[in-house]
Amino acid sequence: QELYDPFKDDCVMEYQEEAEQRWGNTEAYMQSMQRIQKMTKGEMEKMK
């Protein structure tokens, strides 16, 4: 959910679901989810 914060939109869940549907089986999506898991909230905020 934090990944989609830059959109600051009520449709965050929709974006999340769409991304997972479109790219969920791709290497890029899986890499992204693995890398996000390793980030702290502070690191995520700094990146944003």
ModelCIF file with pLDDT and N, C-alpha, C, O atoms, coordinates in Angstrom:
data_MODEL
#
_entry.id   MODEL 
#
_entity.id                         1 
_entity.type                       polymer 
_entity.pdbx_number_of_molecules   1 
#
_entity_poly.entity_id                      1 
_entity_poly.type                           'polypeptide(L)' 
_entity_poly.nstd_linkage                   no 
_entity_poly.nstd_monomer                   no 
_entity_poly.pdbx_seq_one_letter_code       QELYDPFKDDCVMEYQEEAEQRWGNTEAYMQSMQRIQKMTKGEMEKMK 
_entity_poly.pdbx_seq_one_letter_code_can   QELYDPFKDDCVMEYQEEAEQRWGNTEAYMQSMQRIQKMTKGEMEKMK 
_entity_poly.pdbx_strand_id                 A 
#
loop_
_entity_poly_seq.entity_id 
_entity_poly_seq.num 
_entity_poly_seq.mon_id 
_entity_poly_seq.hetero 
1 1  GLN n 
1 2  GLU n 
1 3  LEU n 
1 4  TYR n 
1 5  ASP n 
1 6  PRO n 
1 7  PHE n 
1 8  LYS n 
1 9  ASP n 
1 10 ASP n 
1 11 CYS n 
1 12 VAL n 
1 13 MET n 
1 14 GLU n 
1 15 TYR n 
1 16 GLN n 
1 17 GLU n 
1 18 GLU n 
1 19 ALA n 
1 20 GLU n 
1 21 GLN n 
1 22 ARG n 
1 23 TRP n 
1 24 GLY n 
1 25 ASN n 
1 26 THR n 
1 27 GLU n 
1 28 ALA n 
1 29 TYR n 
1 30 MET n 
1 31 GLN n 
1 32 SER n 
1 33 MET n 
1 34 GLN n 
1 35 ARG n 
1 36 ILE n 
1 37 GLN n 
1 38 LYS n 
1 39 MET n 
1 40 THR n 
1 41 LYS n 
1 42 GLY n 
1 43 GLU n 
1 44 MET n 
1 45 GLU n 
1 46 LYS n 
1 47 MET n 
1 48 LYS n 
#
_struct_asym.id          A 
_struct_asym.entity_id   1 
#
loop_
_ma_qa_metric.id 
_ma_qa_metric.mode 
_ma_qa_metric.name 
_ma_qa_metric.software_group_id 
_ma_qa_metric.type 
1 global pLDDT . pLDDT 
2 local  pLDDT . pLDDT 
#
_ma_qa_metric_global.metric_id      1 
_ma_qa_metric_global.metric_value   69.65 
_ma_qa_metric_global.model_id       1 
_ma_qa_metric_global.ordinal_id     1 
#
loop_
_ma_qa_metric_local.label_asym_id 
_ma_qa_metric_local.label_comp_id 
_ma_qa_metric_local.label_seq_id 
_ma_qa_metric_local.metric_id 
_ma_qa_metric_local.metric_value 
_ma_qa_metric_local.model_id 
_ma_qa_metric_local.ordinal_id 
A GLN 1  2 55.00 1 1  
A GLU 2  2 55.00 1 2  
A LEU 3  2 52.00 1 3  
A TYR 4  2 49.00 1 4  
A ASP 5  2 54.00 1 5  
A PRO 6  2 48.00 1 6  
A PHE 7  2 43.00 1 7  
A LYS 8  2 49.00 1 8  
A ASP 9  2 47.00 1 9  
A ASP 10 2 49.00 1 10 
A CYS 11 2 49.00 1 11 
A VAL 12 2 49.00 1 12 
A MET 13 2 54.00 1 13 
A GLU 14 2 59.00 1 14 
A TYR 15 2 60.00 1 15 
A GLN 16 2 65.00 1 16 
A GLU 17 2 70.00 1 17 
A GLU 18 2 68.00 1 18 
A ALA 19 2 67.00 1 19 
A GLU 20 2 68.00 1 20 
A GLN 21 2 71.00 1 21 
A ARG 22 2 67.00 1 22 
A TRP 23 2 68.00 1 23 
A GLY 24 2 63.00 1 24 
A ASN 25 2 75.00 1 25 
A THR 26 2 75.00 1 26 
A GLU 27 2 81.00 1 27 
A ALA 28 2 80.00 1 28 
A TYR 29 2 74.00 1 29 
A MET 30 2 80.00 1 30 
A GLN 31 2 80.00 1 31 
A SER 32 2 80.00 1 32 
A MET 33 2 81.00 1 33 
A GLN 34 2 83.00 1 34 
A ARG 35 2 77.00 1 35 
A ILE 36 2 80.00 1 36 
A GLN 37 2 82.00 1 37 
A LYS 38 2 83.00 1 38 
A MET 39 2 81.00 1 39 
A THR 40 2 85.00 1 40 
A LYS 41 2 84.00 1 41 
A GLY 42 2 87.00 1 42 
A GLU 43 2 85.00 1 43 
A MET 44 2 83.00 1 44 
A GLU 45 2 86.00 1 45 
A LYS 46 2 89.00 1 46 
A MET 47 2 86.00 1 47 
A LYS 48 2 87.00 1 48 
#
loop_
_atom_site.group_PDB 
_atom_site.id 
_atom_site.type_symbol 
_atom_site.label_atom_id 
_atom_site.label_alt_id 
_atom_site.label_comp_id 
_atom_site.label_asym_id 
_atom_site.label_entity_id 
_atom_site.label_seq_id 
_atom_site.pdbx_PDB_ins_code 
_atom_site.Cartn_x 
_atom_site.Cartn_y 
_atom_site.Cartn_z 
_atom_site.occupancy 
_atom_site.B_iso_or_equiv 
_atom_site.pdbx_formal_charge 
_atom_site.auth_seq_id 
_atom_site.auth_comp_id 
_atom_site.auth_asym_id 
_atom_site.auth_atom_id 
_atom_site.pdbx_PDB_model_num 
ATOM 1   N N  . GLN A 1 1  ? 0.834  -1.198  0.000   1.00 55.00 ? 1  GLN A N  1 
ATOM 2   C CA . GLN A 1 1  ? 0.000  0.000   0.000   1.00 55.00 ? 1  GLN A CA 1 
ATOM 3   C C  . GLN A 1 1  ? 0.872  1.252   0.000   1.00 55.00 ? 1  GLN A C  1 
ATOM 4   O O  . GLN A 1 1  ? 0.574  2.218   -0.702  1.00 55.00 ? 1  GLN A O  1 
ATOM 5   N N  . GLU A 1 2  ? 1.947  1.238   0.785   1.00 55.00 ? 2  GLU A N  1 
ATOM 6   C CA . GLU A 1 2  ? 2.847  2.380   0.855   1.00 55.00 ? 2  GLU A CA 1 
ATOM 7   C C  . GLU A 1 2  ? 3.499  2.655   -0.495  1.00 55.00 ? 2  GLU A C  1 
ATOM 8   O O  . GLU A 1 2  ? 3.798  3.804   -0.819  1.00 55.00 ? 2  GLU A O  1 
ATOM 9   N N  . LEU A 1 3  ? 3.719  1.609   -1.279  1.00 52.00 ? 3  LEU A N  1 
ATOM 10  C CA . LEU A 1 3  ? 4.309  1.768   -2.606  1.00 52.00 ? 3  LEU A CA 1 
ATOM 11  C C  . LEU A 1 3  ? 3.433  2.660   -3.479  1.00 52.00 ? 3  LEU A C  1 
ATOM 12  O O  . LEU A 1 3  ? 3.941  3.380   -4.339  1.00 52.00 ? 3  LEU A O  1 
ATOM 13  N N  . TYR A 1 4  ? 2.125  2.616   -3.264  1.00 49.00 ? 4  TYR A N  1 
ATOM 14  C CA . TYR A 1 4  ? 1.201  3.372   -4.103  1.00 49.00 ? 4  TYR A CA 1 
ATOM 15  C C  . TYR A 1 4  ? 0.866  4.738   -3.520  1.00 49.00 ? 4  TYR A C  1 
ATOM 16  O O  . TYR A 1 4  ? 0.079  5.473   -4.117  1.00 49.00 ? 4  TYR A O  1 
ATOM 17  N N  . ASP A 1 5  ? 1.431  5.101   -2.382  1.00 54.00 ? 5  ASP A N  1 
ATOM 18  C CA . ASP A 1 5  ? 1.139  6.370   -1.739  1.00 54.00 ? 5  ASP A CA 1 
ATOM 19  C C  . ASP A 1 5  ? 1.351  7.594   -2.630  1.00 54.00 ? 5  ASP A C  1 
ATOM 20  O O  . ASP A 1 5  ? 0.601  8.560   -2.486  1.00 54.00 ? 5  ASP A O  1 
ATOM 21  N N  . PRO A 1 6  ? 2.332  7.613   -3.547  1.00 48.00 ? 6  PRO A N  1 
ATOM 22  C CA . PRO A 1 6  ? 2.499  8.821   -4.332  1.00 48.00 ? 6  PRO A CA 1 
ATOM 23  C C  . PRO A 1 6  ? 1.238  9.243   -5.086  1.00 48.00 ? 6  PRO A C  1 
ATOM 24  O O  . PRO A 1 6  ? 1.088  10.416  -5.427  1.00 48.00 ? 6  PRO A O  1 
ATOM 25  N N  . PHE A 1 7  ? 0.334  8.302   -5.348  1.00 43.00 ? 7  PHE A N  1 
ATOM 26  C CA . PHE A 1 7  ? -0.891 8.659   -6.054  1.00 43.00 ? 7  PHE A CA 1 
ATOM 27  C C  . PHE A 1 7  ? -1.879 9.373   -5.146  1.00 43.00 ? 7  PHE A C  1 
ATOM 28  O O  . PHE A 1 7  ? -2.754 10.095  -5.623  1.00 43.00 ? 7  PHE A O  1 
ATOM 29  N N  . LYS A 1 8  ? -1.740 9.171   -3.808  1.00 49.00 ? 8  LYS A N  1 
ATOM 30  C CA . LYS A 1 8  ? -2.617 9.817   -2.825  1.00 49.00 ? 8  LYS A CA 1 
ATOM 31  C C  . LYS A 1 8  ? -4.065 9.802   -3.319  1.00 49.00 ? 8  LYS A C  1 
ATOM 32  O O  . LYS A 1 8  ? -4.703 10.848  -3.442  1.00 49.00 ? 8  LYS A O  1 
ATOM 33  N N  . ASP A 1 9  ? -4.557 8.630   -3.591  1.00 47.00 ? 9  ASP A N  1 
ATOM 34  C CA . ASP A 1 9  ? -5.851 8.435   -4.211  1.00 47.00 ? 9  ASP A CA 1 
ATOM 35  C C  . ASP A 1 9  ? -6.643 7.426   -3.388  1.00 47.00 ? 9  ASP A C  1 
ATOM 36  O O  . ASP A 1 9  ? -6.055 6.586   -2.707  1.00 47.00 ? 9  ASP A O  1 
ATOM 37  N N  . ASP A 1 10 ? -7.946 7.498   -3.442  1.00 49.00 ? 10 ASP A N  1 
ATOM 38  C CA . ASP A 1 10 ? -8.787 6.536   -2.740  1.00 49.00 ? 10 ASP A CA 1 
ATOM 39  C C  . ASP A 1 10 ? -8.748 5.158   -3.377  1.00 49.00 ? 10 ASP A C  1 
ATOM 40  O O  . ASP A 1 10 ? -9.273 4.205   -2.800  1.00 49.00 ? 10 ASP A O  1 
ATOM 41  N N  . CYS A 1 11 ? -8.146 5.026   -4.540  1.00 49.00 ? 11 CYS A N  1 
ATOM 42  C CA . CYS A 1 11 ? -8.170 3.773   -5.288  1.00 49.00 ? 11 CYS A CA 1 
ATOM 43  C C  . CYS A 1 11 ? -6.900 2.957   -5.119  1.00 49.00 ? 11 CYS A C  1 
ATOM 44  O O  . CYS A 1 11 ? -6.541 2.189   -6.012  1.00 49.00 ? 11 CYS A O  1 
ATOM 45  N N  . VAL A 1 12 ? -6.210 3.108   -3.991  1.00 49.00 ? 12 VAL A N  1 
ATOM 46  C CA . VAL A 1 12 ? -4.937 2.402   -3.784  1.00 49.00 ? 12 VAL A CA 1 
ATOM 47  C C  . VAL A 1 12 ? -5.112 0.901   -3.937  1.00 49.00 ? 12 VAL A C  1 
ATOM 48  O O  . VAL A 1 12 ? -4.312 0.243   -4.601  1.00 49.00 ? 12 VAL A O  1 
ATOM 49  N N  . MET A 1 13 ? -6.155 0.361   -3.326  1.00 54.00 ? 13 MET A N  1 
ATOM 50  C CA . MET A 1 13 ? -6.385 -1.082  -3.417  1.00 54.00 ? 13 MET A CA 1 
ATOM 51  C C  . MET A 1 13 ? -6.609 -1.498  -4.869  1.00 54.00 ? 13 MET A C  1 
ATOM 52  O O  . MET A 1 13 ? -6.145 -2.555  -5.296  1.00 54.00 ? 13 MET A O  1 
ATOM 53  N N  . GLU A 1 14 ? -7.311 -0.677  -5.613  1.00 59.00 ? 14 GLU A N  1 
ATOM 54  C CA . GLU A 1 14 ? -7.542 -0.967  -7.025  1.00 59.00 ? 14 GLU A CA 1 
ATOM 55  C C  . GLU A 1 14 ? -6.224 -1.002  -7.789  1.00 59.00 ? 14 GLU A C  1 
ATOM 56  O O  . GLU A 1 14 ? -6.022 -1.883  -8.625  1.00 59.00 ? 14 GLU A O  1 
ATOM 57  N N  . TYR A 1 15 ? -5.325 -0.060  -7.515  1.00 60.00 ? 15 TYR A N  1 
ATOM 58  C CA . TYR A 1 15 ? -4.017 -0.040  -8.178  1.00 60.00 ? 15 TYR A CA 1 
ATOM 59  C C  . TYR A 1 15 ? -3.213 -1.287  -7.825  1.00 60.00 ? 15 TYR A C  1 
ATOM 60  O O  . TYR A 1 15 ? -2.585 -1.911  -8.679  1.00 60.00 ? 15 TYR A O  1 
ATOM 61  N N  . GLN A 1 16 ? -3.255 -1.628  -6.532  1.00 65.00 ? 16 GLN A N  1 
ATOM 62  C CA . GLN A 1 16 ? -2.532 -2.812  -6.071  1.00 65.00 ? 16 GLN A CA 1 
ATOM 63  C C  . GLN A 1 16 ? -3.026 -4.060  -6.784  1.00 65.00 ? 16 GLN A C  1 
ATOM 64  O O  . GLN A 1 16 ? -2.236 -4.853  -7.296  1.00 65.00 ? 16 GLN A O  1 
ATOM 65  N N  . GLU A 1 17 ? -4.340 -4.221  -6.809  1.00 70.00 ? 17 GLU A N  1 
ATOM 66  C CA . GLU A 1 17 ? -4.931 -5.394  -7.447  1.00 70.00 ? 17 GLU A CA 1 
ATOM 67  C C  . GLU A 1 17 ? -4.627 -5.421  -8.943  1.00 70.00 ? 17 GLU A C  1 
ATOM 68  O O  . GLU A 1 17 ? -4.324 -6.474  -9.504  1.00 70.00 ? 17 GLU A O  1 
ATOM 69  N N  . GLU A 1 18 ? -4.710 -4.268  -9.577  1.00 68.00 ? 18 GLU A N  1 
ATOM 70  C CA . GLU A 1 18 ? -4.416 -4.190  -11.009 1.00 68.00 ? 18 GLU A CA 1 
ATOM 71  C C  . GLU A 1 18 ? -2.964 -4.577  -11.287 1.00 68.00 ? 18 GLU A C  1 
ATOM 72  O O  . GLU A 1 18 ? -2.691 -5.342  -12.212 1.00 68.00 ? 18 GLU A O  1 
ATOM 73  N N  . ALA A 1 19 ? -2.047 -4.060  -10.499 1.00 67.00 ? 19 ALA A N  1 
ATOM 74  C CA . ALA A 1 19 ? -0.627 -4.392  -10.689 1.00 67.00 ? 19 ALA A CA 1 
ATOM 75  C C  . ALA A 1 19 ? -0.404 -5.887  -10.509 1.00 67.00 ? 19 ALA A C  1 
ATOM 76  O O  . ALA A 1 19 ? 0.327  -6.515  -11.276 1.00 67.00 ? 19 ALA A O  1 
ATOM 77  N N  . GLU A 1 20 ? -1.040 -6.447  -9.489  1.00 68.00 ? 20 GLU A N  1 
ATOM 78  C CA . GLU A 1 20 ? -0.859 -7.878  -9.259  1.00 68.00 ? 20 GLU A CA 1 
ATOM 79  C C  . GLU A 1 20 ? -1.469 -8.700  -10.392 1.00 68.00 ? 20 GLU A C  1 
ATOM 80  O O  . GLU A 1 20 ? -0.891 -9.705  -10.807 1.00 68.00 ? 20 GLU A O  1 
ATOM 81  N N  . GLN A 1 21 ? -2.631 -8.282  -10.894 1.00 71.00 ? 21 GLN A N  1 
ATOM 82  C CA . GLN A 1 21 ? -3.262 -9.005  -12.003 1.00 71.00 ? 21 GLN A CA 1 
ATOM 83  C C  . GLN A 1 21 ? -2.431 -8.905  -13.281 1.00 71.00 ? 21 GLN A C  1 
ATOM 84  O O  . GLN A 1 21 ? -2.244 -9.893  -13.991 1.00 71.00 ? 21 GLN A O  1 
ATOM 85  N N  . ARG A 1 22 ? -1.939 -7.707  -13.562 1.00 67.00 ? 22 ARG A N  1 
ATOM 86  C CA . ARG A 1 22 ? -1.209 -7.495  -14.822 1.00 67.00 ? 22 ARG A CA 1 
ATOM 87  C C  . ARG A 1 22 ? 0.187  -8.089  -14.798 1.00 67.00 ? 22 ARG A C  1 
ATOM 88  O O  . ARG A 1 22 ? 0.632  -8.689  -15.776 1.00 67.00 ? 22 ARG A O  1 
ATOM 89  N N  . TRP A 1 23 ? 0.882  -7.921  -13.670 1.00 68.00 ? 23 TRP A N  1 
ATOM 90  C CA . TRP A 1 23 ? 2.296  -8.274  -13.647 1.00 68.00 ? 23 TRP A CA 1 
ATOM 91  C C  . TRP A 1 23 ? 2.671  -9.268  -12.554 1.00 68.00 ? 23 TRP A C  1 
ATOM 92  O O  . TRP A 1 23 ? 3.848  -9.589  -12.390 1.00 68.00 ? 23 TRP A O  1 
ATOM 93  N N  . GLY A 1 24 ? 1.688  -9.758  -11.805 1.00 63.00 ? 24 GLY A N  1 
ATOM 94  C CA . GLY A 1 24 ? 1.951  -10.603 -10.652 1.00 63.00 ? 24 GLY A CA 1 
ATOM 95  C C  . GLY A 1 24 ? 2.800  -11.831 -10.932 1.00 63.00 ? 24 GLY A C  1 
ATOM 96  O O  . GLY A 1 24 ? 3.508  -12.307 -10.045 1.00 63.00 ? 24 GLY A O  1 
ATOM 97  N N  . ASN A 1 25 ? 2.741  -12.347 -12.139 1.00 75.00 ? 25 ASN A N  1 
ATOM 98  C CA . ASN A 1 25 ? 3.509  -13.546 -12.481 1.00 75.00 ? 25 ASN A CA 1 
ATOM 99  C C  . ASN A 1 25 ? 4.836  -13.232 -13.156 1.00 75.00 ? 25 ASN A C  1 
ATOM 100 O O  . ASN A 1 25 ? 5.518  -14.136 -13.639 1.00 75.00 ? 25 ASN A O  1 
ATOM 101 N N  . THR A 1 26 ? 5.203  -11.965 -13.192 1.00 75.00 ? 26 THR A N  1 
ATOM 102 C CA . THR A 1 26 ? 6.445  -11.596 -13.866 1.00 75.00 ? 26 THR A CA 1 
ATOM 103 C C  . THR A 1 26 ? 7.609  -11.556 -12.879 1.00 75.00 ? 26 THR A C  1 
ATOM 104 O O  . THR A 1 26 ? 7.421  -11.369 -11.677 1.00 75.00 ? 26 THR A O  1 
ATOM 105 N N  . GLU A 1 27 ? 8.789  -11.733 -13.405 1.00 81.00 ? 27 GLU A N  1 
ATOM 106 C CA . GLU A 1 27 ? 10.006 -11.662 -12.603 1.00 81.00 ? 27 GLU A CA 1 
ATOM 107 C C  . GLU A 1 27 ? 10.137 -10.273 -11.956 1.00 81.00 ? 27 GLU A C  1 
ATOM 108 O O  . GLU A 1 27 ? 10.517 -10.155 -10.791 1.00 81.00 ? 27 GLU A O  1 
ATOM 109 N N  . ALA A 1 28 ? 9.820  -9.237  -12.724 1.00 80.00 ? 28 ALA A N  1 
ATOM 110 C CA . ALA A 1 28 ? 9.943  -7.866  -12.217 1.00 80.00 ? 28 ALA A CA 1 
ATOM 111 C C  . ALA A 1 28 ? 9.036  -7.645  -11.006 1.00 80.00 ? 28 ALA A C  1 
ATOM 112 O O  . ALA A 1 28 ? 9.459  -7.065  -10.006 1.00 80.00 ? 28 ALA A O  1 
ATOM 113 N N  . TYR A 1 29 ? 7.806  -8.103  -11.099 1.00 74.00 ? 29 TYR A N  1 
ATOM 114 C CA . TYR A 1 29 ? 6.868  -7.928  -9.985  1.00 74.00 ? 29 TYR A CA 1 
ATOM 115 C C  . TYR A 1 29 ? 7.368  -8.682  -8.754  1.00 74.00 ? 29 TYR A C  1 
ATOM 116 O O  . TYR A 1 29 ? 7.369  -8.146  -7.645  1.00 74.00 ? 29 TYR A O  1 
ATOM 117 N N  . MET A 1 30 ? 7.785  -9.913  -8.957  1.00 80.00 ? 30 MET A N  1 
ATOM 118 C CA . MET A 1 30 ? 8.263  -10.715 -7.832  1.00 80.00 ? 30 MET A CA 1 
ATOM 119 C C  . MET A 1 30 ? 9.515  -10.092 -7.200  1.00 80.00 ? 30 MET A C  1 
ATOM 120 O O  . MET A 1 30 ? 9.645  -10.066 -5.976  1.00 80.00 ? 30 MET A O  1 
ATOM 121 N N  . GLN A 1 31 ? 10.430 -9.594  -8.033  1.00 80.00 ? 31 GLN A N  1 
ATOM 122 C CA . GLN A 1 31 ? 11.625 -8.917  -7.502  1.00 80.00 ? 31 GLN A CA 1 
ATOM 123 C C  . GLN A 1 31 ? 11.213 -7.707  -6.676  1.00 80.00 ? 31 GLN A C  1 
ATOM 124 O O  . GLN A 1 31 ? 11.722 -7.482  -5.578  1.00 80.00 ? 31 GLN A O  1 
ATOM 125 N N  . SER A 1 32 ? 10.289 -6.938  -7.220  1.00 80.00 ? 32 SER A N  1 
ATOM 126 C CA . SER A 1 32 ? 9.848  -5.726  -6.544  1.00 80.00 ? 32 SER A CA 1 
ATOM 127 C C  . SER A 1 32 ? 9.255  -6.041  -5.176  1.00 80.00 ? 32 SER A C  1 
ATOM 128 O O  . SER A 1 32 ? 9.579  -5.383  -4.187  1.00 80.00 ? 32 SER A O  1 
ATOM 129 N N  . MET A 1 33 ? 8.403  -7.031  -5.121  1.00 81.00 ? 33 MET A N  1 
ATOM 130 C CA . MET A 1 33 ? 7.787  -7.402  -3.844  1.00 81.00 ? 33 MET A CA 1 
ATOM 131 C C  . MET A 1 33 ? 8.837  -7.911  -2.855  1.00 81.00 ? 33 MET A C  1 
ATOM 132 O O  . MET A 1 33 ? 8.755  -7.605  -1.666  1.00 81.00 ? 33 MET A O  1 
ATOM 133 N N  . GLN A 1 34 ? 9.818  -8.680  -3.324  1.00 83.00 ? 34 GLN A N  1 
ATOM 134 C CA . GLN A 1 34 ? 10.874 -9.163  -2.444  1.00 83.00 ? 34 GLN A CA 1 
ATOM 135 C C  . GLN A 1 34 ? 11.715 -8.007  -1.918  1.00 83.00 ? 34 GLN A C  1 
ATOM 136 O O  . GLN A 1 34 ? 12.075 -7.987  -0.741  1.00 83.00 ? 34 GLN A O  1 
ATOM 137 N N  . ARG A 1 35 ? 12.024 -7.064  -2.764  1.00 77.00 ? 35 ARG A N  1 
ATOM 138 C CA . ARG A 1 35 ? 12.852 -5.933  -2.341  1.00 77.00 ? 35 ARG A CA 1 
ATOM 139 C C  . ARG A 1 35 ? 12.099 -5.018  -1.391  1.00 77.00 ? 35 ARG A C  1 
ATOM 140 O O  . ARG A 1 35 ? 12.689 -4.478  -0.455  1.00 77.00 ? 35 ARG A O  1 
ATOM 141 N N  . ILE A 1 36 ? 10.808 -4.834  -1.617  1.00 80.00 ? 36 ILE A N  1 
ATOM 142 C CA . ILE A 1 36 ? 10.006 -4.005  -0.720  1.00 80.00 ? 36 ILE A CA 1 
ATOM 143 C C  . ILE A 1 36 ? 9.967  -4.630  0.669   1.00 80.00 ? 36 ILE A C  1 
ATOM 144 O O  . ILE A 1 36 ? 10.018 -3.925  1.677   1.00 80.00 ? 36 ILE A O  1 
ATOM 145 N N  . GLN A 1 37 ? 9.875  -5.948  0.715   1.00 82.00 ? 37 GLN A N  1 
ATOM 146 C CA . GLN A 1 37 ? 9.815  -6.642  1.998   1.00 82.00 ? 37 GLN A CA 1 
ATOM 147 C C  . GLN A 1 37 ? 11.033 -6.349  2.878   1.00 82.00 ? 37 GLN A C  1 
ATOM 148 O O  . GLN A 1 37 ? 10.936 -6.357  4.105   1.00 82.00 ? 37 GLN A O  1 
ATOM 149 N N  . LYS A 1 38 ? 12.158 -6.094  2.253   1.00 83.00 ? 38 LYS A N  1 
ATOM 150 C CA . LYS A 1 38 ? 13.398 -5.853  2.988   1.00 83.00 ? 38 LYS A CA 1 
ATOM 151 C C  . LYS A 1 38 ? 13.537 -4.414  3.474   1.00 83.00 ? 38 LYS A C  1 
ATOM 152 O O  . LYS A 1 38 ? 14.431 -4.110  4.263   1.00 83.00 ? 38 LYS A O  1 
ATOM 153 N N  . MET A 1 39 ? 12.663 -3.532  3.012   1.00 81.00 ? 39 MET A N  1 
ATOM 154 C CA . MET A 1 39 ? 12.760 -2.123  3.364   1.00 81.00 ? 39 MET A CA 1 
ATOM 155 C C  . MET A 1 39 ? 12.056 -1.825  4.677   1.00 81.00 ? 39 MET A C  1 
ATOM 156 O O  . MET A 1 39 ? 11.008 -2.394  4.981   1.00 81.00 ? 39 MET A O  1 
ATOM 157 N N  . THR A 1 40 ? 12.649 -0.927  5.447   1.00 85.00 ? 40 THR A N  1 
ATOM 158 C CA . THR A 1 40 ? 11.976 -0.432  6.638   1.00 85.00 ? 40 THR A CA 1 
ATOM 159 C C  . THR A 1 40 ? 11.034 0.696   6.217   1.00 85.00 ? 40 THR A C  1 
ATOM 160 O O  . THR A 1 40 ? 11.146 1.232   5.115   1.00 85.00 ? 40 THR A O  1 
ATOM 161 N N  . LYS A 1 41 ? 10.126 1.040   7.089   1.00 84.00 ? 41 LYS A N  1 
ATOM 162 C CA . LYS A 1 41 ? 9.213  2.157   6.812   1.00 84.00 ? 41 LYS A CA 1 
ATOM 163 C C  . LYS A 1 41 ? 10.018 3.445   6.588   1.00 84.00 ? 41 LYS A C  1 
ATOM 164 O O  . LYS A 1 41 ? 9.676  4.247   5.719   1.00 84.00 ? 41 LYS A O  1 
ATOM 165 N N  . GLY A 1 42 ? 11.072 3.638   7.362   1.00 87.00 ? 42 GLY A N  1 
ATOM 166 C CA . GLY A 1 42 ? 11.919 4.821   7.208   1.00 87.00 ? 42 GLY A CA 1 
ATOM 167 C C  . GLY A 1 42 ? 12.609 4.863   5.851   1.00 87.00 ? 42 GLY A C  1 
ATOM 168 O O  . GLY A 1 42 ? 12.687 5.914   5.214   1.00 87.00 ? 42 GLY A O  1 
ATOM 169 N N  . GLU A 1 43 ? 13.103 3.717   5.420   1.00 85.00 ? 43 GLU A N  1 
ATOM 170 C CA . GLU A 1 43 ? 13.741 3.647   4.096   1.00 85.00 ? 43 GLU A CA 1 
ATOM 171 C C  . GLU A 1 43 ? 12.736 3.932   2.992   1.00 85.00 ? 43 GLU A C  1 
ATOM 172 O O  . GLU A 1 43 ? 13.052 4.592   2.002   1.00 85.00 ? 43 GLU A O  1 
ATOM 173 N N  . MET A 1 44 ? 11.518 3.425   3.175   1.00 83.00 ? 44 MET A N  1 
ATOM 174 C CA . MET A 1 44 ? 10.482 3.656   2.175   1.00 83.00 ? 44 MET A CA 1 
ATOM 175 C C  . MET A 1 44 ? 10.119 5.147   2.113   1.00 83.00 ? 44 MET A C  1 
ATOM 176 O O  . MET A 1 44 ? 9.957  5.713   1.032   1.00 83.00 ? 44 MET A O  1 
ATOM 177 N N  . GLU A 1 45 ? 9.995  5.764   3.279   1.00 86.00 ? 45 GLU A N  1 
ATOM 178 C CA . GLU A 1 45 ? 9.683  7.197   3.321   1.00 86.00 ? 45 GLU A CA 1 
ATOM 179 C C  . GLU A 1 45 ? 10.788 8.018   2.653   1.00 86.00 ? 45 GLU A C  1 
ATOM 180 O O  . GLU A 1 45 ? 10.511 8.940   1.887   1.00 86.00 ? 45 GLU A O  1 
ATOM 181 N N  . LYS A 1 46 ? 12.035 7.675   2.951   1.00 89.00 ? 46 LYS A N  1 
ATOM 182 C CA . LYS A 1 46 ? 13.158 8.397   2.352   1.00 89.00 ? 46 LYS A CA 1 
ATOM 183 C C  . LYS A 1 46 ? 13.146 8.239   0.828   1.00 89.00 ? 46 LYS A C  1 
ATOM 184 O O  . LYS A 1 46 ? 13.409 9.195   0.099   1.00 89.00 ? 46 LYS A O  1 
ATOM 185 N N  . MET A 1 47 ? 12.841 7.032   0.352   1.00 86.00 ? 47 MET A N  1 
ATOM 186 C CA . MET A 1 47 ? 12.798 6.801   -1.082  1.00 86.00 ? 47 MET A CA 1 
ATOM 187 C C  . MET A 1 47 ? 11.681 7.613   -1.729  1.00 86.00 ? 47 MET A C  1 
ATOM 188 O O  . MET A 1 47 ? 11.869 8.177   -2.807  1.00 86.00 ? 47 MET A O  1 
ATOM 189 N N  . LYS A 1 48 ? 10.512 7.678   -1.076  1.00 87.00 ? 48 LYS A N  1 
ATOM 190 C CA . LYS A 1 48 ? 9.401  8.462   -1.615  1.00 87.00 ? 48 LYS A CA 1 
ATOM 191 C C  . LYS A 1 48 ? 9.755  9.950   -1.664  1.00 87.00 ? 48 LYS A C  1 
ATOM 192 O O  . LYS A 1 48 ? 8.937  10.765  -2.091  1.00 87.00 ? 48 LYS A O  1 
#
